[in-house]
N, C-alpha and C. Protein backbone atom coordinates (compact mmCIF):
# COMPACT_ATOMS: atom_id res chain seq x y z
N MET A 1 129.21 284.75 -93.50
CA MET A 1 129.31 283.95 -94.52
C MET A 1 128.74 282.51 -94.13
N PHE A 2 128.70 282.11 -95.16
CA PHE A 2 127.70 280.11 -95.50
C PHE A 2 129.23 279.75 -95.80
N SER A 3 129.20 278.96 -95.60
CA SER A 3 130.40 278.17 -96.20
C SER A 3 130.03 276.55 -96.26
N VAL A 4 130.08 275.48 -97.55
CA VAL A 4 129.69 274.11 -97.81
C VAL A 4 130.94 274.04 -98.06
N ARG A 5 131.07 271.93 -97.39
CA ARG A 5 131.93 271.34 -98.09
C ARG A 5 131.10 269.99 -98.87
N ILE A 6 131.57 269.66 -99.98
CA ILE A 6 130.97 268.86 -100.80
C ILE A 6 131.95 267.60 -100.91
N HIS A 7 131.65 266.53 -100.55
CA HIS A 7 132.27 265.59 -100.71
C HIS A 7 132.00 264.42 -101.96
N GLY A 8 132.43 264.15 -102.63
CA GLY A 8 132.34 262.95 -103.54
C GLY A 8 133.18 262.53 -104.40
N ARG A 9 133.47 261.69 -105.37
CA ARG A 9 134.12 260.63 -106.05
C ARG A 9 134.10 261.73 -107.63
N GLY A 10 135.55 261.46 -108.12
CA GLY A 10 135.72 262.17 -109.38
C GLY A 10 134.49 261.46 -110.71
N GLY A 11 134.18 262.13 -111.06
CA GLY A 11 133.34 262.02 -112.73
C GLY A 11 131.71 262.02 -111.82
N GLN A 12 131.58 262.31 -110.38
CA GLN A 12 130.07 262.36 -109.93
C GLN A 12 129.46 264.00 -110.04
N GLY A 13 130.43 264.87 -110.46
CA GLY A 13 129.88 266.24 -110.45
C GLY A 13 130.29 267.14 -109.44
N VAL A 14 131.28 266.88 -108.26
CA VAL A 14 131.67 267.31 -107.03
C VAL A 14 131.80 268.88 -107.50
N VAL A 15 132.93 269.13 -108.29
CA VAL A 15 133.37 270.22 -108.96
C VAL A 15 132.17 271.35 -109.72
N THR A 16 131.23 270.99 -110.12
CA THR A 16 130.66 271.48 -110.88
C THR A 16 129.58 271.64 -109.71
N ALA A 17 129.22 271.10 -109.13
CA ALA A 17 128.13 271.39 -108.07
C ALA A 17 128.53 272.67 -107.36
N ALA A 18 130.06 272.94 -106.80
CA ALA A 18 130.11 273.86 -106.51
C ALA A 18 130.15 274.95 -107.23
N GLU A 19 130.24 275.09 -108.56
CA GLU A 19 130.09 275.86 -109.16
C GLU A 19 129.10 276.51 -109.53
N LEU A 20 128.31 275.54 -109.62
CA LEU A 20 126.52 275.67 -109.85
C LEU A 20 126.58 276.61 -108.62
N LEU A 21 126.39 276.20 -107.30
CA LEU A 21 125.71 276.85 -106.39
C LEU A 21 126.31 278.45 -106.18
N SER A 22 128.24 278.59 -106.85
CA SER A 22 128.31 280.01 -106.61
C SER A 22 127.62 280.76 -107.61
N LEU A 23 127.37 279.88 -108.42
CA LEU A 23 126.29 280.56 -109.76
C LEU A 23 125.48 281.13 -109.39
N ALA A 24 124.40 280.60 -108.59
CA ALA A 24 123.01 280.64 -107.90
C ALA A 24 123.28 281.99 -106.96
N ALA A 25 124.66 281.89 -105.90
CA ALA A 25 124.55 282.81 -105.34
C ALA A 25 124.37 284.31 -105.86
N PHE A 26 125.58 284.11 -106.76
CA PHE A 26 125.94 285.39 -107.99
C PHE A 26 124.18 285.89 -108.44
N ASP A 27 123.43 284.57 -108.83
CA ASP A 27 122.40 285.24 -109.16
C ASP A 27 121.25 285.93 -108.37
N ALA A 28 121.81 285.38 -107.31
CA ALA A 28 120.89 285.93 -105.90
C ALA A 28 121.34 287.38 -105.60
N GLY A 29 122.13 287.65 -105.95
CA GLY A 29 123.24 289.30 -105.82
C GLY A 29 124.41 288.77 -104.62
N LEU A 30 124.46 287.53 -104.35
CA LEU A 30 125.47 287.11 -103.07
C LEU A 30 127.04 287.36 -103.92
N GLU A 31 127.81 287.40 -102.97
CA GLU A 31 129.09 287.02 -103.45
C GLU A 31 129.87 285.79 -103.18
N ALA A 32 130.43 284.98 -104.11
CA ALA A 32 130.85 283.20 -103.65
C ALA A 32 132.15 283.12 -104.55
N GLN A 33 132.06 281.99 -104.20
CA GLN A 33 133.70 281.38 -103.95
C GLN A 33 133.42 279.83 -104.46
N ALA A 34 133.88 279.06 -105.35
CA ALA A 34 134.02 277.92 -105.45
C ALA A 34 135.40 277.06 -106.05
N PHE A 35 135.72 275.91 -105.33
CA PHE A 35 136.88 275.38 -105.70
C PHE A 35 137.23 274.28 -105.40
N PRO A 36 137.91 273.48 -106.13
CA PRO A 36 137.59 271.99 -105.80
C PRO A 36 139.41 272.06 -105.06
N SER A 37 139.56 270.32 -104.29
CA SER A 37 140.97 269.94 -104.07
C SER A 37 140.60 268.30 -103.73
N PHE A 38 141.84 267.88 -104.68
CA PHE A 38 141.72 266.33 -105.21
C PHE A 38 143.07 266.27 -105.04
N GLY A 39 143.28 264.66 -105.28
CA GLY A 39 144.78 263.93 -105.38
C GLY A 39 144.79 263.65 -106.62
N SER A 40 144.62 262.18 -106.93
CA SER A 40 144.80 261.50 -108.22
C SER A 40 143.97 262.16 -109.07
N GLU A 41 144.10 262.44 -109.79
CA GLU A 41 142.50 262.65 -111.13
C GLU A 41 142.37 261.55 -111.62
N ARG A 42 141.82 260.59 -111.29
CA ARG A 42 141.01 259.23 -111.82
C ARG A 42 139.72 259.33 -111.41
N MET A 43 138.90 258.77 -111.95
CA MET A 43 137.33 258.82 -112.06
C MET A 43 137.67 257.89 -110.60
N GLY A 44 136.39 258.30 -110.01
CA GLY A 44 136.45 257.49 -109.07
C GLY A 44 136.99 257.57 -107.18
N ALA A 45 138.51 258.47 -107.67
CA ALA A 45 138.97 259.16 -106.40
C ALA A 45 138.15 260.33 -106.02
N PRO A 46 138.17 259.87 -103.97
CA PRO A 46 138.21 261.00 -103.28
C PRO A 46 138.31 262.22 -103.74
N VAL A 47 137.21 263.64 -103.88
CA VAL A 47 136.80 264.44 -104.25
C VAL A 47 136.11 265.48 -103.34
N VAL A 48 136.90 266.67 -102.79
CA VAL A 48 136.08 267.37 -102.16
C VAL A 48 136.07 269.28 -102.91
N ALA A 49 134.84 269.14 -102.77
CA ALA A 49 134.93 270.89 -103.32
C ALA A 49 133.99 272.09 -102.15
N PHE A 50 134.75 272.79 -101.94
CA PHE A 50 134.34 274.30 -101.24
C PHE A 50 133.76 275.02 -102.06
N CYS A 51 132.60 275.63 -101.49
CA CYS A 51 131.79 277.10 -101.92
C CYS A 51 131.68 277.59 -100.60
N ARG A 52 131.89 278.96 -100.71
CA ARG A 52 131.70 280.00 -99.34
C ARG A 52 130.64 281.68 -100.27
N LEU A 53 129.66 281.24 -99.67
CA LEU A 53 128.70 282.46 -99.63
C LEU A 53 128.68 283.66 -98.91
N ASP A 54 128.34 284.93 -99.31
CA ASP A 54 128.22 285.89 -98.75
C ASP A 54 127.47 287.06 -99.05
N ASP A 55 126.94 288.04 -98.65
CA ASP A 55 126.69 289.70 -98.89
C ASP A 55 127.96 290.43 -98.84
N ARG A 56 129.23 290.03 -98.55
CA ARG A 56 130.53 290.59 -98.73
C ARG A 56 131.40 290.08 -99.17
N PRO A 57 132.50 291.03 -100.18
CA PRO A 57 133.50 290.23 -100.70
C PRO A 57 134.39 289.30 -99.79
N ILE A 58 134.75 287.74 -100.75
CA ILE A 58 135.37 286.97 -99.70
C ILE A 58 136.66 287.07 -99.88
N ARG A 59 137.23 287.13 -98.83
CA ARG A 59 138.87 287.27 -98.60
C ARG A 59 139.77 286.00 -98.87
N LEU A 60 138.70 285.17 -97.84
CA LEU A 60 139.78 283.96 -97.40
C LEU A 60 139.73 283.02 -99.13
N ARG A 61 141.17 282.40 -98.90
CA ARG A 61 141.10 281.42 -99.79
C ARG A 61 141.34 279.85 -99.73
N GLU A 62 141.39 279.87 -98.12
CA GLU A 62 142.02 278.15 -97.84
C GLU A 62 140.80 277.27 -97.88
N PRO A 63 141.09 276.25 -98.18
CA PRO A 63 140.10 275.34 -97.93
C PRO A 63 139.13 275.49 -96.60
N ILE A 64 137.74 274.56 -96.80
CA ILE A 64 136.88 275.39 -95.79
C ILE A 64 136.90 273.92 -94.77
N ALA A 65 137.40 273.78 -93.55
CA ALA A 65 137.56 273.72 -92.45
C ALA A 65 136.18 273.39 -91.29
N GLU A 66 135.66 274.18 -91.15
CA GLU A 66 134.72 274.14 -90.35
C GLU A 66 133.21 274.69 -91.16
N PRO A 67 132.58 273.93 -91.99
CA PRO A 67 131.61 274.37 -92.61
C PRO A 67 130.54 274.31 -91.86
N ASP A 68 129.38 275.00 -92.51
CA ASP A 68 128.12 275.02 -92.12
C ASP A 68 127.71 274.26 -92.97
N ALA A 69 127.78 273.69 -93.90
CA ALA A 69 126.75 272.13 -94.16
C ALA A 69 127.87 271.56 -94.88
N VAL A 70 127.86 270.10 -95.06
CA VAL A 70 128.51 269.20 -95.27
C VAL A 70 127.07 268.85 -96.37
N VAL A 71 127.69 268.35 -97.38
CA VAL A 71 126.70 267.52 -98.68
C VAL A 71 128.08 266.40 -99.02
N VAL A 72 127.39 265.40 -98.94
CA VAL A 72 127.90 263.61 -99.34
C VAL A 72 127.13 263.12 -100.82
N GLN A 73 127.94 262.85 -102.11
CA GLN A 73 127.25 262.69 -102.64
C GLN A 73 127.39 261.47 -103.00
N ASP A 74 128.82 260.87 -102.43
CA ASP A 74 129.01 259.64 -102.58
C ASP A 74 128.58 258.73 -100.80
N PRO A 75 127.66 258.07 -100.64
CA PRO A 75 127.99 257.33 -99.27
C PRO A 75 128.51 256.46 -99.23
N THR A 76 129.22 255.84 -99.76
CA THR A 76 130.45 254.87 -99.56
C THR A 76 131.59 255.99 -98.92
N LEU A 77 131.93 256.93 -99.04
CA LEU A 77 132.64 257.42 -98.56
C LEU A 77 132.59 258.00 -96.71
N LEU A 78 131.30 257.82 -96.30
CA LEU A 78 130.78 258.06 -95.02
C LEU A 78 131.68 257.38 -93.66
N HIS A 79 132.52 256.00 -94.09
CA HIS A 79 133.20 255.60 -93.02
C HIS A 79 134.48 255.07 -93.52
N HIS A 80 134.97 255.88 -94.52
CA HIS A 80 136.42 255.75 -94.66
C HIS A 80 137.11 257.11 -95.01
N VAL A 81 136.09 258.43 -94.48
CA VAL A 81 136.86 259.74 -94.79
C VAL A 81 135.74 260.57 -93.64
N ASP A 82 136.82 261.50 -93.12
CA ASP A 82 136.10 262.47 -92.26
C ASP A 82 135.34 263.54 -92.77
N VAL A 83 133.98 263.06 -93.41
CA VAL A 83 133.28 264.02 -93.80
C VAL A 83 132.44 264.89 -92.77
N PHE A 84 132.29 264.86 -91.79
CA PHE A 84 131.66 265.48 -90.93
C PHE A 84 132.71 266.41 -90.39
N GLY A 85 133.95 266.12 -90.36
CA GLY A 85 135.42 266.66 -89.16
C GLY A 85 134.89 268.20 -89.68
N GLY A 86 134.93 268.76 -87.92
CA GLY A 86 134.60 270.55 -88.66
C GLY A 86 133.13 271.20 -88.81
N LEU A 87 132.51 270.09 -88.92
CA LEU A 87 131.43 270.59 -89.39
C LEU A 87 130.32 271.37 -87.96
N LYS A 88 130.19 272.83 -88.33
CA LYS A 88 129.60 273.89 -86.72
C LYS A 88 128.82 273.06 -86.04
N ALA A 89 128.10 273.27 -84.86
CA ALA A 89 126.96 272.29 -83.95
C ALA A 89 126.16 272.97 -84.55
N ASP A 90 125.65 273.72 -85.62
CA ASP A 90 124.27 273.91 -85.92
C ASP A 90 124.11 273.97 -87.36
N GLY A 91 125.69 273.13 -88.17
CA GLY A 91 125.66 272.84 -89.22
C GLY A 91 123.99 271.55 -89.77
N TYR A 92 124.55 271.96 -91.32
CA TYR A 92 123.54 271.10 -92.03
C TYR A 92 124.13 269.78 -92.74
N VAL A 93 123.81 268.47 -92.06
CA VAL A 93 124.36 267.67 -93.10
C VAL A 93 123.39 266.78 -94.38
N LEU A 94 123.87 266.84 -95.40
CA LEU A 94 122.92 266.35 -96.38
C LEU A 94 123.55 264.85 -97.31
N ILE A 95 123.12 264.25 -97.37
CA ILE A 95 123.66 262.84 -97.63
C ILE A 95 123.06 262.08 -98.69
N ASN A 96 123.65 261.73 -100.58
CA ASN A 96 122.53 261.03 -101.40
C ASN A 96 122.77 259.89 -100.75
N SER A 97 121.47 259.41 -100.68
CA SER A 97 121.28 258.11 -100.00
C SER A 97 119.41 257.88 -99.76
N SER A 98 119.33 256.42 -99.76
CA SER A 98 117.83 256.49 -100.09
C SER A 98 117.74 255.86 -98.91
N ARG A 99 118.81 255.79 -97.91
CA ARG A 99 118.61 255.27 -96.50
C ARG A 99 118.41 256.24 -96.01
N ALA A 100 117.77 256.29 -94.45
CA ALA A 100 117.52 256.94 -93.47
C ALA A 100 119.00 257.34 -92.74
N VAL A 101 118.86 258.36 -92.58
CA VAL A 101 120.42 258.52 -91.26
C VAL A 101 120.71 257.24 -90.34
N ALA A 102 119.72 257.10 -89.98
CA ALA A 102 120.13 255.79 -89.21
C ALA A 102 120.36 254.30 -89.53
N GLU A 103 119.84 254.11 -90.14
CA GLU A 103 120.27 252.81 -91.24
C GLU A 103 121.77 253.40 -92.13
N LEU A 104 122.08 254.20 -92.17
CA LEU A 104 123.47 254.32 -92.35
C LEU A 104 124.30 254.57 -91.44
N GLY A 105 124.13 254.19 -89.90
CA GLY A 105 125.12 254.12 -88.95
C GLY A 105 125.45 255.00 -88.55
N LEU A 106 124.37 256.66 -88.29
CA LEU A 106 125.00 257.75 -88.26
C LEU A 106 124.16 258.19 -87.29
N GLU A 107 123.75 257.29 -86.47
CA GLU A 107 122.85 258.05 -85.36
C GLU A 107 123.14 259.52 -84.34
N GLU A 108 124.66 258.87 -84.04
CA GLU A 108 125.11 259.90 -83.24
C GLU A 108 125.62 261.66 -84.17
N LEU A 109 125.19 261.21 -85.63
CA LEU A 109 124.90 262.71 -85.92
C LEU A 109 123.81 263.59 -85.50
N HIS A 110 122.31 262.84 -84.86
CA HIS A 110 121.45 263.66 -84.69
C HIS A 110 121.71 263.81 -83.15
N ASP A 111 122.80 262.97 -81.95
CA ASP A 111 122.75 263.27 -81.14
C ASP A 111 123.62 264.72 -80.99
N ARG A 112 124.42 265.08 -81.88
CA ARG A 112 125.48 265.78 -81.73
C ARG A 112 124.92 267.41 -82.95
N HIS A 113 123.76 267.19 -83.79
CA HIS A 113 123.62 268.25 -84.72
C HIS A 113 121.76 268.16 -84.45
N ARG A 114 121.18 269.57 -84.59
CA ARG A 114 119.83 269.12 -84.82
C ARG A 114 118.90 267.98 -85.76
N PRO A 115 118.34 267.07 -85.67
CA PRO A 115 118.05 266.21 -86.24
C PRO A 115 117.57 266.50 -87.75
N GLU A 116 116.46 267.87 -87.80
CA GLU A 116 115.93 268.00 -88.68
C GLU A 116 117.24 268.66 -89.74
N ARG A 117 118.26 269.27 -89.43
CA ARG A 117 119.02 269.63 -90.25
C ARG A 117 120.32 268.61 -90.91
N VAL A 118 119.71 267.00 -90.40
CA VAL A 118 121.13 265.94 -91.24
C VAL A 118 119.82 265.25 -91.87
N VAL A 119 119.83 264.98 -92.82
CA VAL A 119 119.40 264.19 -94.13
C VAL A 119 119.25 263.42 -94.69
N THR A 120 118.76 262.40 -95.59
CA THR A 120 119.07 262.02 -96.78
C THR A 120 118.31 262.62 -98.15
N VAL A 121 118.68 262.45 -98.96
CA VAL A 121 117.66 262.43 -100.28
C VAL A 121 118.25 261.45 -101.73
N ALA A 122 117.58 260.57 -101.92
CA ALA A 122 117.70 259.84 -103.34
C ALA A 122 118.39 260.29 -104.61
N ALA A 123 119.48 261.52 -104.37
CA ALA A 123 119.55 262.19 -105.56
C ALA A 123 120.10 261.08 -106.61
N SER A 124 120.86 260.25 -106.52
CA SER A 124 121.18 259.22 -107.61
C SER A 124 119.63 258.86 -107.98
N GLU A 125 119.09 258.52 -107.23
CA GLU A 125 117.92 258.01 -108.35
C GLU A 125 116.55 258.96 -108.91
N LEU A 126 116.80 260.01 -108.04
CA LEU A 126 116.28 261.37 -108.83
C LEU A 126 116.79 261.69 -110.46
N ALA A 127 118.21 261.35 -110.32
CA ALA A 127 118.82 261.74 -110.93
C ALA A 127 118.93 261.01 -112.58
N ARG A 128 119.05 259.51 -111.78
CA ARG A 128 118.79 258.53 -112.73
C ARG A 128 116.84 259.10 -113.75
N GLU A 129 116.23 259.17 -113.04
CA GLU A 129 115.01 259.17 -113.48
C GLU A 129 115.10 260.45 -114.25
N HIS A 130 115.29 261.54 -113.94
CA HIS A 130 115.24 262.88 -114.98
C HIS A 130 116.26 262.91 -115.84
N LEU A 131 117.66 262.58 -115.96
CA LEU A 131 118.82 262.54 -116.35
C LEU A 131 119.13 261.39 -117.10
N GLY A 132 118.54 260.35 -117.24
CA GLY A 132 119.18 258.91 -117.56
C GLY A 132 120.33 258.28 -116.92
N ARG A 133 121.12 259.31 -116.19
CA ARG A 133 122.50 259.07 -115.34
C ARG A 133 122.27 259.07 -114.47
N PRO A 134 123.05 258.67 -113.06
CA PRO A 134 123.02 258.71 -111.58
C PRO A 134 124.25 259.67 -111.44
N ILE A 135 123.52 261.00 -111.90
CA ILE A 135 124.76 262.08 -111.31
C ILE A 135 124.00 262.98 -110.72
N PRO A 136 124.14 262.92 -109.28
CA PRO A 136 123.77 263.89 -108.06
C PRO A 136 123.36 264.95 -108.09
N ASN A 137 124.73 265.50 -108.54
CA ASN A 137 124.83 266.72 -108.06
C ASN A 137 123.36 267.88 -108.21
N ALA A 138 123.07 267.99 -109.34
CA ALA A 138 122.27 269.13 -109.30
C ALA A 138 120.71 268.83 -108.35
N ALA A 139 120.46 267.61 -108.05
CA ALA A 139 119.28 266.49 -107.44
C ALA A 139 119.69 267.30 -106.14
N LEU A 140 121.29 266.94 -105.25
CA LEU A 140 121.31 267.57 -103.97
C LEU A 140 121.90 269.18 -103.99
N LEU A 141 121.43 269.69 -104.68
CA LEU A 141 121.44 270.96 -104.46
C LEU A 141 120.37 271.98 -104.25
N GLY A 142 119.61 271.35 -105.42
CA GLY A 142 117.89 271.36 -104.99
C GLY A 142 117.74 271.17 -103.57
N ALA A 143 117.84 269.93 -102.96
CA ALA A 143 117.86 269.46 -101.57
C ALA A 143 118.45 270.03 -100.49
N LEU A 144 120.01 270.73 -101.25
CA LEU A 144 120.16 271.71 -100.02
C LEU A 144 119.84 273.29 -100.06
N ALA A 145 119.41 273.91 -101.22
CA ALA A 145 118.28 274.97 -101.39
C ALA A 145 117.25 274.79 -100.59
N ALA A 146 116.53 273.71 -100.60
CA ALA A 146 115.67 273.45 -99.45
C ALA A 146 116.00 273.38 -98.04
N LEU A 147 116.81 272.57 -97.68
CA LEU A 147 117.04 272.68 -96.09
C LEU A 147 117.98 273.86 -95.51
N THR A 148 118.70 274.27 -96.29
CA THR A 148 119.13 275.39 -95.92
C THR A 148 118.69 276.81 -96.11
N GLY A 149 118.13 277.16 -97.50
CA GLY A 149 117.44 278.38 -98.25
C GLY A 149 118.69 279.45 -98.50
N ILE A 150 119.73 278.58 -98.38
CA ILE A 150 120.81 279.66 -98.63
C ILE A 150 120.72 280.56 -100.36
N VAL A 151 120.07 279.25 -101.12
CA VAL A 151 119.66 280.03 -102.23
C VAL A 151 118.33 279.74 -102.73
N SER A 152 117.93 280.01 -103.39
CA SER A 152 116.39 279.58 -103.91
C SER A 152 116.51 278.63 -104.72
N LEU A 153 115.51 278.32 -105.33
CA LEU A 153 115.05 277.19 -106.41
C LEU A 153 115.72 278.05 -107.70
N PRO A 154 114.60 279.05 -107.65
CA PRO A 154 114.72 279.59 -109.06
C PRO A 154 116.37 280.08 -109.46
N SER A 155 116.79 280.36 -108.52
CA SER A 155 118.50 281.11 -108.43
C SER A 155 119.00 279.73 -109.18
N LEU A 156 118.94 278.90 -108.36
CA LEU A 156 119.40 277.53 -108.63
C LEU A 156 119.24 277.06 -110.72
N GLN A 157 118.10 276.95 -110.60
CA GLN A 157 117.50 276.31 -111.67
C GLN A 157 118.56 277.43 -112.84
N SER A 158 118.53 278.89 -112.78
CA SER A 158 118.95 279.96 -113.29
C SER A 158 120.65 279.54 -113.95
N ALA A 159 121.48 279.19 -112.40
CA ALA A 159 122.34 278.85 -112.70
C ALA A 159 123.09 277.47 -113.80
N ILE A 160 121.79 276.54 -113.35
CA ILE A 160 121.92 275.27 -113.95
C ILE A 160 121.78 275.31 -115.39
N ASP A 161 120.84 276.30 -116.14
CA ASP A 161 120.66 276.92 -117.46
C ASP A 161 121.81 277.76 -117.97
N GLU A 162 122.52 278.62 -117.10
CA GLU A 162 123.67 279.22 -117.57
C GLU A 162 124.81 278.02 -117.94
N ARG A 163 125.05 277.09 -117.51
CA ARG A 163 126.13 275.81 -117.15
C ARG A 163 125.77 274.54 -118.59
N PHE A 164 124.82 274.55 -117.94
CA PHE A 164 124.07 273.21 -119.31
C PHE A 164 123.21 273.78 -120.30
N ALA A 165 123.09 273.02 -120.97
CA ALA A 165 121.82 273.99 -122.79
C ALA A 165 120.93 272.23 -122.96
N GLY A 166 119.69 272.98 -123.19
CA GLY A 166 118.79 271.74 -124.36
C GLY A 166 118.34 271.24 -122.89
N GLU A 167 118.76 269.80 -123.24
CA GLU A 167 117.84 268.29 -122.82
C GLU A 167 118.62 268.68 -121.52
N ALA A 168 119.81 268.56 -121.44
CA ALA A 168 120.67 268.57 -120.23
C ALA A 168 120.27 269.43 -119.05
N ALA A 169 120.07 270.79 -119.48
CA ALA A 169 119.75 271.98 -118.89
C ALA A 169 118.10 271.71 -117.98
N ALA A 170 117.31 271.25 -119.12
CA ALA A 170 115.83 270.40 -118.65
C ALA A 170 116.23 269.50 -117.43
N ALA A 171 116.88 268.87 -118.02
CA ALA A 171 116.77 267.74 -116.99
C ALA A 171 117.56 267.77 -115.45
N ASN A 172 118.52 268.45 -115.41
CA ASN A 172 119.24 268.74 -114.24
C ASN A 172 117.84 269.83 -113.48
N ARG A 173 117.59 270.93 -114.20
CA ARG A 173 116.29 271.57 -113.71
C ARG A 173 115.74 270.51 -112.86
N ALA A 174 114.74 269.29 -113.64
CA ALA A 174 113.41 268.72 -113.06
C ALA A 174 114.53 268.04 -111.46
N ALA A 175 115.64 267.41 -112.00
CA ALA A 175 116.27 266.93 -110.66
C ALA A 175 116.34 267.77 -109.71
N ALA A 176 116.56 268.95 -109.76
CA ALA A 176 117.02 269.75 -108.39
C ALA A 176 115.21 269.84 -108.05
N ALA A 177 114.38 270.13 -108.67
CA ALA A 177 113.45 270.71 -108.74
C ALA A 177 112.63 269.35 -107.95
N ALA A 178 112.75 268.50 -108.37
CA ALA A 178 112.39 266.65 -107.39
C ALA A 178 112.94 267.03 -106.09
N ALA A 179 114.33 267.07 -106.39
CA ALA A 179 114.92 266.88 -104.83
C ALA A 179 114.38 267.93 -103.78
N HIS A 180 114.58 269.03 -104.36
CA HIS A 180 114.02 270.48 -103.74
C HIS A 180 112.33 270.23 -102.95
N GLU A 181 111.54 269.28 -103.90
CA GLU A 181 109.84 269.29 -103.04
C GLU A 181 109.97 268.46 -101.98
N ALA A 182 111.26 266.88 -102.63
CA ALA A 182 111.73 265.74 -100.97
C ALA A 182 111.85 266.41 -100.12
N ILE A 183 112.95 267.63 -99.88
CA ILE A 183 113.04 268.15 -98.28
C ILE A 183 111.94 268.70 -98.12
N THR A 184 111.04 269.89 -99.02
CA THR A 184 110.19 270.32 -98.46
C THR A 184 109.11 270.06 -97.96
N THR A 185 108.56 268.70 -98.61
CA THR A 185 107.61 267.85 -98.20
C THR A 185 107.99 267.30 -96.79
N GLU A 186 109.46 266.94 -96.53
CA GLU A 186 109.86 266.29 -94.95
C GLU A 186 109.67 267.03 -94.50
N THR A 187 110.31 268.13 -94.83
CA THR A 187 110.43 269.24 -93.25
C THR A 187 108.98 269.70 -93.25
N ARG A 188 108.09 269.59 -94.08
CA ARG A 188 106.55 269.60 -93.56
C ARG A 188 106.04 268.95 -92.66
N LEU A 189 105.80 267.49 -93.13
CA LEU A 189 106.05 266.35 -92.50
C LEU A 189 106.14 266.38 -90.53
N HIS A 190 107.31 266.90 -90.44
CA HIS A 190 108.19 266.46 -89.06
C HIS A 190 108.27 267.75 -88.64
N ALA A 191 107.52 269.06 -88.88
CA ALA A 191 106.95 270.52 -88.20
C ALA A 191 105.84 269.62 -87.28
């Protein structure tokens, strides 16, 4: 089983990101489960969403305490919420930022985890470029697909088409593809 915990703020599409990831998994023939956890239901409040993927039925229902991957949609949470708590030693970290991991004051992540699995991507900027709004969820999922290989970009884009229509679907597909390419290019450069 592969588990993902997504941290962000209300209004950033955190819950939608988990749903899209589960739809992409279903498209790839996997079992999936997505659900949110949040306190006050107001715009800007911290939100966490969870997604599990497996090739067998998933019977667990509790929040993910030891994720295989952590996605941080809002970097302002980095030093205020324990977003990396329980992350497996061989886990993945994906942070929405145009700054490098060291610039964010997270050098210790490279000490505890494989550096090639701890990356940043300017998802809000890619979303603004393609959507006209800084909603980073689709871009981050494109980057996550490239980083982990848990779902393919075509499966993710199919999920986007299932969730959105028209121009919104096309823009989110483009943002996901751009982030996927950014991570793929970075991986090739560091290989």
